[in-house]
Amino acid sequence: MSSGESPGAAGPAAGRPVVARTRAELADARARIEGRLAFVPTMGALHEGHLSLVRQARRSADAVAVSIFVNPLQFGPDEDFDRYPRTFDADLEACAAEGVDLVFAPDRAVMYPTEPQVTVDSGPMGKIVEGAARPGHFDGMLTVVLKLLNLVRPDVAIFGEKDAQQLAMIRRMVADLNVPVEIVGGATVREPDGLALSSRNRYLSAEERRTALALSRALRAGADAAAGGPAAVLGAAESVLDKAATAEPPLVLDYLVLVDPATFTPVTDSHTGPAILAVAGRVGATHLIDNVSLQLGKER
């Protein structure tokens, strides 16, 4: 194994996860895992949000696997693939501290030995909201998630609810393609000031971070207005974002939507029941997303 450890030495008792970098190493390590396996796919630069998913995985299974792979297919030509943070040594230490059993850390040649000709089409949901702001993003995301699920073969896979549209699309893909895995969401983890944890937060200057807080403030304002219905929710959130648009530096809004959690299509003015208020914007060169779940038409 690339880590210099054998699969028999894996797991919390040994204190270090097995690191598999090739498909053969992964298959060997996977064959040695007994019982229920939970899987947390990541692009690395692990933070407390990722680690909360790892802890959730540990509670739901006998063993935990984490993948670390910055997937080029889900980055657009003007996005931050090259500067996306890569902190493998620190990530491995964090996984060890959380008792992760297996870390799959392939390079691009392992995941894409040849340029892929057959990929996952994200369908109508992949072309709206975040998909409209980042064309092709969800095709690339679903393609790598399906490959990872096929390679790791987990019983359950856990994804953060901060990427709510991603979670909805993965659930739809698994249902439509009969992938034998349970998909579970993990709650968004926030900084004390309300900013949702993201690997991209490290790009923000102090001034940019102050502007970025408008995203979570807008969501709180919308949630507080939920009793008034969809129009009130959107109006309350928009009033916060309008002020951020004239801040220095400004927040450039990509979208603010109130959508059905399963389809990410806008809810009607008469909608009752669950909904997601989702927002995305750019502060400087950094694209940030956030969302909150709401219950419309009844007391929250």
C-alpha atoms as a PDB file:
ATOM      1  CA  MET A   1       0.000   0.000   0.000  1.00  0.00           C
ATOM      2  CA  SER A   2       1.125   3.564  -0.681  1.00  0.00           C
ATOM      3  CA  SER A   3       0.955   4.424   3.009  1.00  0.00           C
ATOM      4  CA  GLY A   4       3.471   1.752   3.875  1.00  0.00           C
ATOM      5  CA  GLU A   5       0.838   0.058   6.022  1.00  0.00           C
ATOM      6  CA  SER A   6      -0.986  -3.150   5.370  1.00  0.00           C
ATOM      7  CA  PRO A   7      -4.808  -3.271   5.418  1.00  0.00           C
ATOM      8  CA  GLY A   8      -4.561  -5.450   8.495  1.00  0.00           C
ATOM      9  CA  ALA A   9      -3.086  -2.498  10.347  1.00  0.00           C
ATOM     10  CA  ALA A  10      -5.947  -0.207   9.414  1.00  0.00           C
ATOM     11  CA  GLY A  11      -8.570   1.377  11.568  1.00  0.00           C
ATOM     12  CA  PRO A  12      -8.913   3.183  14.868  1.00  0.00           C
ATOM     13  CA  ALA A  13      -6.998   0.579  16.843  1.00  0.00           C
ATOM     14  CA  ALA A  14      -3.900   1.112  14.726  1.00  0.00           C
ATOM     15  CA  GLY A  15      -4.422   4.874  14.696  1.00  0.00           C
ATOM     16  CA  ARG A  16      -3.697   5.290  10.986  1.00  0.00           C
ATOM     17  CA  PRO A  17      -5.934   4.719   7.986  1.00  0.00           C
ATOM     18  CA  VAL A  18      -4.819   2.645   5.048  1.00  0.00           C
ATOM     19  CA  VAL A  19      -4.074   4.918   2.082  1.00  0.00           C
ATOM     20  CA  ALA A  20      -4.999   3.491  -1.307  1.00  0.00           C
ATOM     21  CA  ARG A  21      -3.833   5.405  -4.362  1.00  0.00           C
ATOM     22  CA  THR A  22      -4.600   2.880  -7.109  1.00  0.00           C
ATOM     23  CA  ARG A  23      -7.645   0.819  -7.984  1.00  0.00           C
ATOM     24  CA  ALA A  24      -5.806  -2.372  -7.089  1.00  0.00           C
ATOM     25  CA  GLU A  25      -4.830  -1.008  -3.667  1.00  0.00           C
ATOM     26  CA  LEU A  26      -8.405   0.119  -3.083  1.00  0.00           C
ATOM     27  CA  ALA A  27      -9.835  -3.264  -4.066  1.00  0.00           C
ATOM     28  CA  ASP A  28      -7.386  -5.024  -1.727  1.00  0.00           C
ATOM     29  CA  ALA A  29      -8.202  -2.732   1.193  1.00  0.00           C
ATOM     30  CA  ARG A  30     -11.952  -2.921   0.532  1.00  0.00           C
ATOM     31  CA  ALA A  31     -11.864  -6.718   0.549  1.00  0.00           C
ATOM     32  CA  ARG A  32     -10.436  -6.647   4.089  1.00  0.00           C
ATOM     33  CA  ILE A  33     -13.216  -4.465   5.504  1.00  0.00           C
ATOM     34  CA  GLU A  34     -15.905  -6.401   7.323  1.00  0.00           C
ATOM     35  CA  GLY A  35     -19.379  -5.189   8.153  1.00  0.00           C
ATOM     36  CA  ARG A  36     -21.130  -2.019   7.066  1.00  0.00           C
ATOM     37  CA  LEU A  37     -18.977   0.600   5.293  1.00  0.00           C
ATOM     38  CA  ALA A  38     -19.792   4.318   5.309  1.00  0.00           C
ATOM     39  CA  PHE A  39     -18.166   6.580   2.746  1.00  0.00           C
ATOM     40  CA  VAL A  40     -17.462  10.332   2.758  1.00  0.00           C
ATOM     41  CA  PRO A  41     -16.304  11.623  -0.660  1.00  0.00           C
ATOM     42  CA  THR A  42     -14.305  14.872  -0.476  1.00  0.00           C
ATOM     43  CA  MET A  43     -11.976  17.044  -2.526  1.00  0.00           C
ATOM     44  CA  GLY A  44      -9.654  17.415   0.462  1.00  0.00           C
ATOM     45  CA  ALA A  45      -8.754  20.604   2.338  1.00  0.00           C
ATOM     46  CA  LEU A  46     -10.736  19.028   5.146  1.00  0.00           C
ATOM     47  CA  HIS A  47     -12.435  21.260   7.699  1.00  0.00           C
ATOM     48  CA  GLU A  48     -14.864  20.752  10.556  1.00  0.00           C
ATOM     49  CA  GLY A  49     -17.757  20.365   8.138  1.00  0.00           C
ATOM     50  CA  HIS A  50     -16.093  17.351   6.515  1.00  0.00           C
ATOM     51  CA  LEU A  51     -15.119  15.934   9.877  1.00  0.00           C
ATOM     52  CA  SER A  52     -18.698  16.167  11.129  1.00  0.00           C
ATOM     53  CA  LEU A  53     -19.660  13.939   8.177  1.00  0.00           C
ATOM     54  CA  VAL A  54     -16.897  11.504   9.134  1.00  0.00           C
ATOM     55  CA  ARG A  55     -18.254  11.326  12.688  1.00  0.00           C
ATOM     56  CA  GLN A  56     -21.737  10.747  11.338  1.00  0.00           C
ATOM     57  CA  ALA A  57     -20.323   7.984   9.161  1.00  0.00           C
ATOM     58  CA  ARG A  58     -18.625   6.395  12.164  1.00  0.00           C
ATOM     59  CA  ARG A  59     -21.939   6.320  14.051  1.00  0.00           C
ATOM     60  CA  SER A  60     -23.715   4.634  11.143  1.00  0.00           C
ATOM     61  CA  ALA A  61     -21.282   1.888  10.161  1.00  0.00           C
ATOM     62  CA  ASP A  62     -18.560  -0.512  11.226  1.00  0.00           C
ATOM     63  CA  ALA A  63     -15.890   1.139   9.073  1.00  0.00           C
ATOM     64  CA  VAL A  64     -15.366   4.505   7.395  1.00  0.00           C
ATOM     65  CA  ALA A  65     -13.750   5.369   4.066  1.00  0.00           C
ATOM     66  CA  VAL A  66     -12.892   8.881   2.877  1.00  0.00           C
ATOM     67  CA  SER A  67     -11.867   9.841  -0.638  1.00  0.00           C
ATOM     68  CA  ILE A  68      -9.646  12.824  -1.428  1.00  0.00           C
ATOM     69  CA  PHE A  69      -9.719  13.801  -5.080  1.00  0.00           C
ATOM     70  CA  VAL A  70      -9.989  17.223  -6.709  1.00  0.00           C
ATOM     71  CA  ASN A  71     -12.210  16.343  -9.643  1.00  0.00           C
ATOM     72  CA  PRO A  72     -11.312  18.292 -12.796  1.00  0.00           C
ATOM     73  CA  LEU A  73     -14.573  17.428 -14.540  1.00  0.00           C
ATOM     74  CA  GLN A  74     -16.647  19.634 -12.261  1.00  0.00           C
ATOM     75  CA  PHE A  75     -14.586  22.804 -12.737  1.00  0.00           C
ATOM     76  CA  GLY A  76     -15.360  25.216 -15.538  1.00  0.00           C
ATOM     77  CA  PRO A  77     -12.632  26.847 -17.675  1.00  0.00           C
ATOM     78  CA  ASP A  78     -12.678  30.039 -15.593  1.00  0.00           C
ATOM     79  CA  GLU A  79     -12.919  28.328 -12.202  1.00  0.00           C
ATOM     80  CA  ASP A  80     -10.357  27.614  -9.518  1.00  0.00           C
ATOM     81  CA  PHE A  81      -9.152  24.056 -10.233  1.00  0.00           C
ATOM     82  CA  ASP A  82      -5.462  24.969 -10.221  1.00  0.00           C
ATOM     83  CA  ARG A  83      -5.629  26.979  -7.019  1.00  0.00           C
ATOM     84  CA  TYR A  84      -8.080  24.724  -5.196  1.00  0.00           C
ATOM     85  CA  PRO A  85      -6.353  23.943  -1.863  1.00  0.00           C
ATOM     86  CA  ARG A  86      -4.517  20.640  -1.672  1.00  0.00           C
ATOM     87  CA  THR A  87      -3.474  19.759   1.884  1.00  0.00           C
ATOM     88  CA  PHE A  88      -3.088  16.000   1.806  1.00  0.00           C
ATOM     89  CA  ASP A  89      -0.743  15.570   4.806  1.00  0.00           C
ATOM     90  CA  ALA A  90      -3.023  17.623   7.058  1.00  0.00           C
ATOM     91  CA  ASP A  91      -6.079  15.818   5.674  1.00  0.00           C
ATOM     92  CA  LEU A  92      -4.544  12.437   6.447  1.00  0.00           C
ATOM     93  CA  GLU A  93      -3.765  13.514  10.010  1.00  0.00           C
ATOM     94  CA  ALA A  94      -7.364  14.663  10.443  1.00  0.00           C
ATOM     95  CA  CYS A  95      -8.650  11.334   9.126  1.00  0.00           C
ATOM     96  CA  ALA A  96      -6.359   9.469  11.512  1.00  0.00           C
ATOM     97  CA  ALA A  97      -7.616  11.524  14.447  1.00  0.00           C
ATOM     98  CA  GLU A  98     -11.211  10.635  13.533  1.00  0.00           C
ATOM     99  CA  GLY A  99     -10.504   6.902  13.236  1.00  0.00           C
ATOM    100  CA  VAL A 100     -10.993   6.645   9.482  1.00  0.00           C
ATOM    101  CA  ASP A 101     -10.196   3.151   8.246  1.00  0.00           C
ATOM    102  CA  LEU A 102      -9.457   3.819   4.580  1.00  0.00           C
ATOM    103  CA  VAL A 103      -8.436   6.875   2.574  1.00  0.00           C
ATOM    104  CA  PHE A 104      -8.720   6.616  -1.201  1.00  0.00           C
ATOM    105  CA  ALA A 105      -6.459   9.280  -2.730  1.00  0.00           C
ATOM    106  CA  PRO A 106      -6.181   8.657  -6.479  1.00  0.00           C
ATOM    107  CA  ASP A 107      -4.586  10.988  -8.981  1.00  0.00           C
ATOM    108  CA  ARG A 108      -6.206  12.016 -12.239  1.00  0.00           C
ATOM    109  CA  ALA A 109      -4.678   9.112 -14.184  1.00  0.00           C
ATOM    110  CA  VAL A 110      -6.271   6.616 -11.792  1.00  0.00           C
ATOM    111  CA  MET A 111      -9.741   8.152 -11.955  1.00  0.00           C
ATOM    112  CA  TYR A 112      -9.574   8.992 -15.672  1.00  0.00           C
ATOM    113  CA  PRO A 113      -7.051   6.670 -17.384  1.00  0.00           C
ATOM    114  CA  THR A 114      -8.351   7.985 -20.699  1.00  0.00           C
ATOM    115  CA  GLU A 115     -10.441  11.031 -21.498  1.00  0.00           C
ATOM    116  CA  PRO A 116     -13.976   9.889 -20.557  1.00  0.00           C
ATOM    117  CA  GLN A 117     -16.360   9.570 -23.482  1.00  0.00           C
ATOM    118  CA  VAL A 118     -19.319   8.281 -21.459  1.00  0.00           C
ATOM    119  CA  THR A 119     -20.324  10.541 -18.576  1.00  0.00           C
ATOM    120  CA  VAL A 120     -23.405  11.143 -16.441  1.00  0.00           C
ATOM    121  CA  ASP A 121     -25.910  13.635 -17.836  1.00  0.00           C
ATOM    122  CA  SER A 122     -27.345  15.558 -14.900  1.00  0.00           C
ATOM    123  CA  GLY A 123     -30.637  16.123 -16.702  1.00  0.00           C
ATOM    124  CA  PRO A 124     -32.965  19.106 -16.216  1.00  0.00           C
ATOM    125  CA  MET A 125     -32.005  19.662 -12.570  1.00  0.00           C
ATOM    126  CA  GLY A 126     -28.362  19.985 -13.539  1.00  0.00           C
ATOM    127  CA  LYS A 127     -29.053  22.996 -15.720  1.00  0.00           C
ATOM    128  CA  ILE A 128     -30.865  25.197 -13.206  1.00  0.00           C
ATOM    129  CA  VAL A 129     -29.844  27.220 -10.135  1.00  0.00           C
ATOM    130  CA  GLU A 130     -26.190  26.287  -9.452  1.00  0.00           C
ATOM    131  CA  GLY A 131     -26.127  24.417 -12.741  1.00  0.00           C
ATOM    132  CA  ALA A 132     -27.058  27.586 -14.626  1.00  0.00           C
ATOM    133  CA  ALA A 133     -24.318  29.519 -12.844  1.00  0.00           C
ATOM    134  CA  ARG A 134     -21.764  26.762 -13.509  1.00  0.00           C
ATOM    135  CA  PRO A 135     -22.611  24.968 -16.779  1.00  0.00           C
ATOM    136  CA  GLY A 136     -21.430  21.355 -16.836  1.00  0.00           C
ATOM    137  CA  HIS A 137     -20.606  21.317 -13.130  1.00  0.00           C
ATOM    138  CA  PHE A 138     -23.177  18.727 -12.142  1.00  0.00           C
ATOM    139  CA  ASP A 139     -22.364  16.405 -15.060  1.00  0.00           C
ATOM    140  CA  GLY A 140     -18.774  16.276 -13.798  1.00  0.00           C
ATOM    141  CA  MET A 141     -19.806  15.922 -10.177  1.00  0.00           C
ATOM    142  CA  LEU A 142     -22.213  13.060 -10.816  1.00  0.00           C
ATOM    143  CA  THR A 143     -19.706  11.290 -13.059  1.00  0.00           C
ATOM    144  CA  VAL A 144     -17.030  11.211 -10.372  1.00  0.00           C
ATOM    145  CA  VAL A 145     -19.496  10.329  -7.603  1.00  0.00           C
ATOM    146  CA  LEU A 146     -20.783   7.365  -9.597  1.00  0.00           C
ATOM    147  CA  LYS A 147     -17.221   6.212 -10.283  1.00  0.00           C
ATOM    148  CA  LEU A 148     -16.316   6.523  -6.600  1.00  0.00           C
ATOM    149  CA  LEU A 149     -19.424   4.636  -5.489  1.00  0.00           C
ATOM    150  CA  ASN A 150     -18.608   1.844  -7.950  1.00  0.00           C
ATOM    151  CA  LEU A 151     -14.989   1.648  -6.778  1.00  0.00           C
ATOM    152  CA  VAL A 152     -15.484   1.944  -3.006  1.00  0.00           C
ATOM    153  CA  ARG A 153     -18.756  -0.026  -2.874  1.00  0.00           C
ATOM    154  CA  PRO A 154     -20.047   1.516   0.366  1.00  0.00           C
ATOM    155  CA  ASP A 155     -23.291   0.634   2.089  1.00  0.00           C
ATOM    156  CA  VAL A 156     -23.979   4.278   2.889  1.00  0.00           C
ATOM    157  CA  ALA A 157     -22.493   7.528   1.538  1.00  0.00           C
ATOM    158  CA  ILE A 158     -22.747  10.840   3.375  1.00  0.00           C
ATOM    159  CA  PHE A 159     -22.825  14.264   1.730  1.00  0.00           C
ATOM    160  CA  GLY A 160     -23.121  17.706   3.282  1.00  0.00           C
ATOM    161  CA  GLU A 161     -26.434  19.526   3.159  1.00  0.00           C
ATOM    162  CA  LYS A 162     -24.590  22.793   2.439  1.00  0.00           C
ATOM    163  CA  ASP A 163     -24.453  21.563  -1.163  1.00  0.00           C
ATOM    164  CA  ALA A 164     -28.194  20.948  -1.178  1.00  0.00           C
ATOM    165  CA  GLN A 165     -28.633  20.747  -4.940  1.00  0.00           C
ATOM    166  CA  GLN A 166     -25.697  18.354  -5.187  1.00  0.00           C
ATOM    167  CA  LEU A 167     -27.294  16.147  -2.529  1.00  0.00           C
ATOM    168  CA  ALA A 168     -30.648  16.198  -4.326  1.00  0.00           C
ATOM    169  CA  MET A 169     -29.009  15.271  -7.623  1.00  0.00           C
ATOM    170  CA  ILE A 170     -27.003  12.426  -6.110  1.00  0.00           C
ATOM    171  CA  ARG A 171     -30.176  11.025  -4.571  1.00  0.00           C
ATOM    172  CA  ARG A 172     -31.892  11.253  -7.946  1.00  0.00           C
ATOM    173  CA  MET A 173     -28.985   9.575  -9.752  1.00  0.00           C
ATOM    174  CA  VAL A 174     -28.862   6.720  -7.243  1.00  0.00           C
ATOM    175  CA  ALA A 175     -32.617   6.186  -7.578  1.00  0.00           C
ATOM    176  CA  ASP A 176     -32.699   6.475 -11.378  1.00  0.00           C
ATOM    177  CA  LEU A 177     -29.674   4.219 -11.957  1.00  0.00           C
ATOM    178  CA  ASN A 178     -30.431   1.705  -9.178  1.00  0.00           C
ATOM    179  CA  VAL A 179     -27.118   2.221  -7.408  1.00  0.00           C
ATOM    180  CA  PRO A 180     -27.136  -0.003  -4.290  1.00  0.00           C
ATOM    181  CA  VAL A 181     -26.151   2.606  -1.709  1.00  0.00           C
ATOM    182  CA  GLU A 182     -27.999   4.639   0.914  1.00  0.00           C
ATOM    183  CA  ILE A 183     -27.468   8.402   0.555  1.00  0.00           C
ATOM    184  CA  VAL A 184     -27.550  10.428   3.774  1.00  0.00           C
ATOM    185  CA  GLY A 185     -27.265  14.169   4.322  1.00  0.00           C
ATOM    186  CA  GLY A 186     -25.166  15.796   7.029  1.00  0.00           C
ATOM    187  CA  ALA A 187     -26.062  19.131   8.600  1.00  0.00           C
ATOM    188  CA  THR A 188     -24.225  22.307   7.557  1.00  0.00           C
ATOM    189  CA  VAL A 189     -21.517  23.391   9.993  1.00  0.00           C
ATOM    190  CA  ARG A 190     -20.994  27.120  10.464  1.00  0.00           C
ATOM    191  CA  GLU A 191     -18.398  29.441  11.876  1.00  0.00           C
ATOM    192  CA  PRO A 192     -19.458  31.336  15.042  1.00  0.00           C
ATOM    193  CA  ASP A 193     -20.293  34.351  12.849  1.00  0.00           C
ATOM    194  CA  GLY A 194     -22.651  32.242  10.701  1.00  0.00           C
ATOM    195  CA  LEU A 195     -20.485  31.716   7.607  1.00  0.00           C
ATOM    196  CA  ALA A 196     -20.951  28.177   6.295  1.00  0.00           C
ATOM    197  CA  LEU A 197     -17.714  26.218   6.403  1.00  0.00           C
ATOM    198  CA  SER A 198     -16.138  25.768   2.980  1.00  0.00           C
ATOM    199  CA  SER A 199     -12.677  24.944   1.693  1.00  0.00           C
ATOM    200  CA  ARG A 200     -12.960  28.139  -0.358  1.00  0.00           C
ATOM    201  CA  ASN A 201     -13.314  30.367   2.719  1.00  0.00           C
ATOM    202  CA  ARG A 202      -9.520  30.477   2.971  1.00  0.00           C
ATOM    203  CA  TYR A 203      -9.475  32.527  -0.233  1.00  0.00           C
ATOM    204  CA  LEU A 204     -11.338  35.407   1.438  1.00  0.00           C
ATOM    205  CA  SER A 205      -9.573  38.465   2.761  1.00  0.00           C
ATOM    206  CA  ALA A 206     -10.860  39.966   6.005  1.00  0.00           C
ATOM    207  CA  GLU A 207     -12.876  42.539   4.026  1.00  0.00           C
ATOM    208  CA  GLU A 208     -14.273  39.915   1.655  1.00  0.00           C
ATOM    209  CA  ARG A 209     -15.273  37.725   4.558  1.00  0.00           C
ATOM    210  CA  ARG A 210     -17.280  40.557   6.089  1.00  0.00           C
ATOM    211  CA  THR A 211     -19.168  40.938   2.835  1.00  0.00           C
ATOM    212  CA  ALA A 212     -19.678  37.176   2.532  1.00  0.00           C
ATOM    213  CA  LEU A 213     -21.559  37.116   5.850  1.00  0.00           C
ATOM    214  CA  ALA A 214     -24.496  38.652   3.974  1.00  0.00           C
ATOM    215  CA  LEU A 215     -25.249  35.191   2.576  1.00  0.00           C
ATOM    216  CA  SER A 216     -26.047  33.633   5.943  1.00  0.00           C
ATOM    217  CA  ARG A 217     -27.741  36.846   7.154  1.00  0.00           C
ATOM    218  CA  ALA A 218     -30.030  36.749   4.123  1.00  0.00           C
ATOM    219  CA  LEU A 219     -30.945  33.134   4.836  1.00  0.00           C
ATOM    220  CA  ARG A 220     -31.741  33.923   8.470  1.00  0.00           C
ATOM    221  CA  ALA A 221     -33.880  36.864   7.408  1.00  0.00           C
ATOM    222  CA  GLY A 222     -35.747  34.659   4.943  1.00  0.00           C
ATOM    223  CA  ALA A 223     -36.261  31.926   7.515  1.00  0.00           C
ATOM    224  CA  ASP A 224     -37.609  34.435  10.017  1.00  0.00           C
ATOM    225  CA  ALA A 225     -40.185  35.521   7.432  1.00  0.00           C
ATOM    226  CA  ALA A 226     -41.363  31.987   6.591  1.00  0.00           C
ATOM    227  CA  ALA A 227     -44.751  32.479   8.245  1.00  0.00           C
ATOM    228  CA  GLY A 228     -45.544  35.088   5.589  1.00  0.00           C
ATOM    229  CA  GLY A 229     -45.112  32.669   2.698  1.00  0.00           C
ATOM    230  CA  PRO A 230     -42.746  32.521  -0.283  1.00  0.00           C
ATOM    231  CA  ALA A 231     -42.945  36.180  -1.265  1.00  0.00           C
ATOM    232  CA  ALA A 232     -42.117  37.293   2.258  1.00  0.00           C
ATOM    233  CA  VAL A 233     -39.188  34.870   2.464  1.00  0.00           C
ATOM    234  CA  LEU A 234     -37.643  36.097  -0.768  1.00  0.00           C
ATOM    235  CA  GLY A 235     -38.312  39.739   0.006  1.00  0.00           C
ATOM    236  CA  ALA A 236     -36.626  39.564   3.410  1.00  0.00           C
ATOM    237  CA  ALA A 237     -33.561  37.822   1.972  1.00  0.00           C
ATOM    238  CA  GLU A 238     -33.338  40.220  -0.984  1.00  0.00           C
ATOM    239  CA  SER A 239     -33.263  43.259   1.302  1.00  0.00           C
ATOM    240  CA  VAL A 240     -30.103  41.932   2.957  1.00  0.00           C
ATOM    241  CA  LEU A 241     -28.442  41.048  -0.337  1.00  0.00           C
ATOM    242  CA  ASP A 242     -29.255  44.425  -1.902  1.00  0.00           C
ATOM    243  CA  LYS A 243     -27.178  46.113   0.799  1.00  0.00           C
ATOM    244  CA  ALA A 244     -24.303  43.678   0.260  1.00  0.00           C
ATOM    245  CA  ALA A 245     -24.294  44.490  -3.448  1.00  0.00           C
ATOM    246  CA  THR A 246     -23.164  48.030  -2.625  1.00  0.00           C
ATOM    247  CA  ALA A 247     -20.638  47.029   0.046  1.00  0.00           C
ATOM    248  CA  GLU A 248     -16.902  47.283  -0.477  1.00  0.00           C
ATOM    249  CA  PRO A 249     -15.974  44.775  -1.731  1.00  0.00           C
ATOM    250  CA  PRO A 250     -19.420  43.971  -3.161  1.00  0.00           C
ATOM    251  CA  LEU A 251     -21.305  40.694  -3.226  1.00  0.00           C
ATOM    252  CA  VAL A 252     -22.145  39.807  -6.833  1.00  0.00           C
ATOM    253  CA  LEU A 253     -25.276  37.703  -6.594  1.00  0.00           C
ATOM    254  CA  ASP A 254     -25.528  34.593  -8.769  1.00  0.00           C
ATOM    255  CA  TYR A 255     -28.960  33.543  -7.550  1.00  0.00           C
ATOM    256  CA  LEU A 256     -31.452  33.597  -4.711  1.00  0.00           C
ATOM    257  CA  VAL A 257     -34.176  30.958  -5.059  1.00  0.00           C
ATOM    258  CA  LEU A 258     -36.871  29.295  -2.988  1.00  0.00           C
ATOM    259  CA  VAL A 259     -37.206  25.777  -4.352  1.00  0.00           C
ATOM    260  CA  ASP A 260     -38.657  22.334  -3.875  1.00  0.00           C
ATOM    261  CA  PRO A 261     -36.036  20.202  -2.053  1.00  0.00           C
ATOM    262  CA  ALA A 262     -36.366  17.247  -4.431  1.00  0.00           C
ATOM    263  CA  THR A 263     -36.411  19.020  -7.804  1.00  0.00           C
ATOM    264  CA  PHE A 264     -34.887  22.467  -7.148  1.00  0.00           C
ATOM    265  CA  THR A 265     -37.669  24.063  -9.173  1.00  0.00           C
ATOM    266  CA  PRO A 266     -39.172  27.278  -7.747  1.00  0.00           C
ATOM    267  CA  VAL A 267     -42.093  26.856  -5.380  1.00  0.00           C
ATOM    268  CA  THR A 268     -45.373  28.586  -6.145  1.00  0.00           C
ATOM    269  CA  ASP A 269     -46.795  31.456  -4.107  1.00  0.00           C
ATOM    270  CA  SER A 270     -49.287  29.014  -2.579  1.00  0.00           C
ATOM    271  CA  HIS A 271     -46.680  26.380  -1.677  1.00  0.00           C
ATOM    272  CA  THR A 272     -46.905  24.742   1.731  1.00  0.00           C
ATOM    273  CA  GLY A 273     -44.523  22.233   3.200  1.00  0.00           C
ATOM    274  CA  PRO A 274     -40.738  21.905   2.948  1.00  0.00           C
ATOM    275  CA  ALA A 275     -38.674  24.262   0.812  1.00  0.00           C
ATOM    276  CA  ILE A 276     -35.049  25.292   0.476  1.00  0.00           C
ATOM    277  CA  LEU A 277     -33.911  28.902   0.325  1.00  0.00           C
ATOM    278  CA  ALA A 278     -30.635  28.772  -1.606  1.00  0.00           C
ATOM    279  CA  VAL A 279     -28.211  31.563  -2.377  1.00  0.00           C
ATOM    280  CA  ALA A 280     -24.907  31.917  -4.192  1.00  0.00           C
ATOM    281  CA  GLY A 281     -22.647  34.812  -4.949  1.00  0.00           C
ATOM    282  CA  ARG A 282     -19.111  35.893  -5.654  1.00  0.00           C
ATOM    283  CA  VAL A 283     -16.972  37.987  -3.383  1.00  0.00           C
ATOM    284  CA  GLY A 284     -13.828  38.907  -5.235  1.00  0.00           C
ATOM    285  CA  ALA A 285     -12.893  35.757  -7.175  1.00  0.00           C
ATOM    286  CA  THR A 286     -14.523  33.368  -4.708  1.00  0.00           C
ATOM    287  CA  HIS A 287     -17.827  31.620  -5.435  1.00  0.00           C
ATOM    288  CA  LEU A 288     -19.787  30.801  -2.271  1.00  0.00           C
ATOM    289  CA  ILE A 289     -23.059  28.935  -1.765  1.00  0.00           C
ATOM    290  CA  ASP A 290     -25.381  28.466   1.195  1.00  0.00           C
ATOM    291  CA  ASN A 291     -28.941  27.388   1.936  1.00  0.00           C
ATOM    292  CA  VAL A 292     -31.471  26.844   4.677  1.00  0.00           C
ATOM    293  CA  SER A 293     -34.401  24.428   4.901  1.00  0.00           C
ATOM    294  CA  LEU A 294     -37.792  25.975   5.610  1.00  0.00           C
ATOM    295  CA  GLN A 295     -41.283  24.765   6.403  1.00  0.00           C
ATOM    296  CA  LEU A 296     -43.911  26.936   4.737  1.00  0.00           C
ATOM    297  CA  GLY A 297     -47.572  27.111   5.648  1.00  0.00           C
ATOM    298  CA  LYS A 298     -47.239  26.033   9.281  1.00  0.00           C
ATOM    299  CA  GLU A 299     -45.254  26.847  12.387  1.00  0.00           C
ATOM    300  CA  ARG A 300     -41.605  25.993  12.050  1.00  0.00           C
END
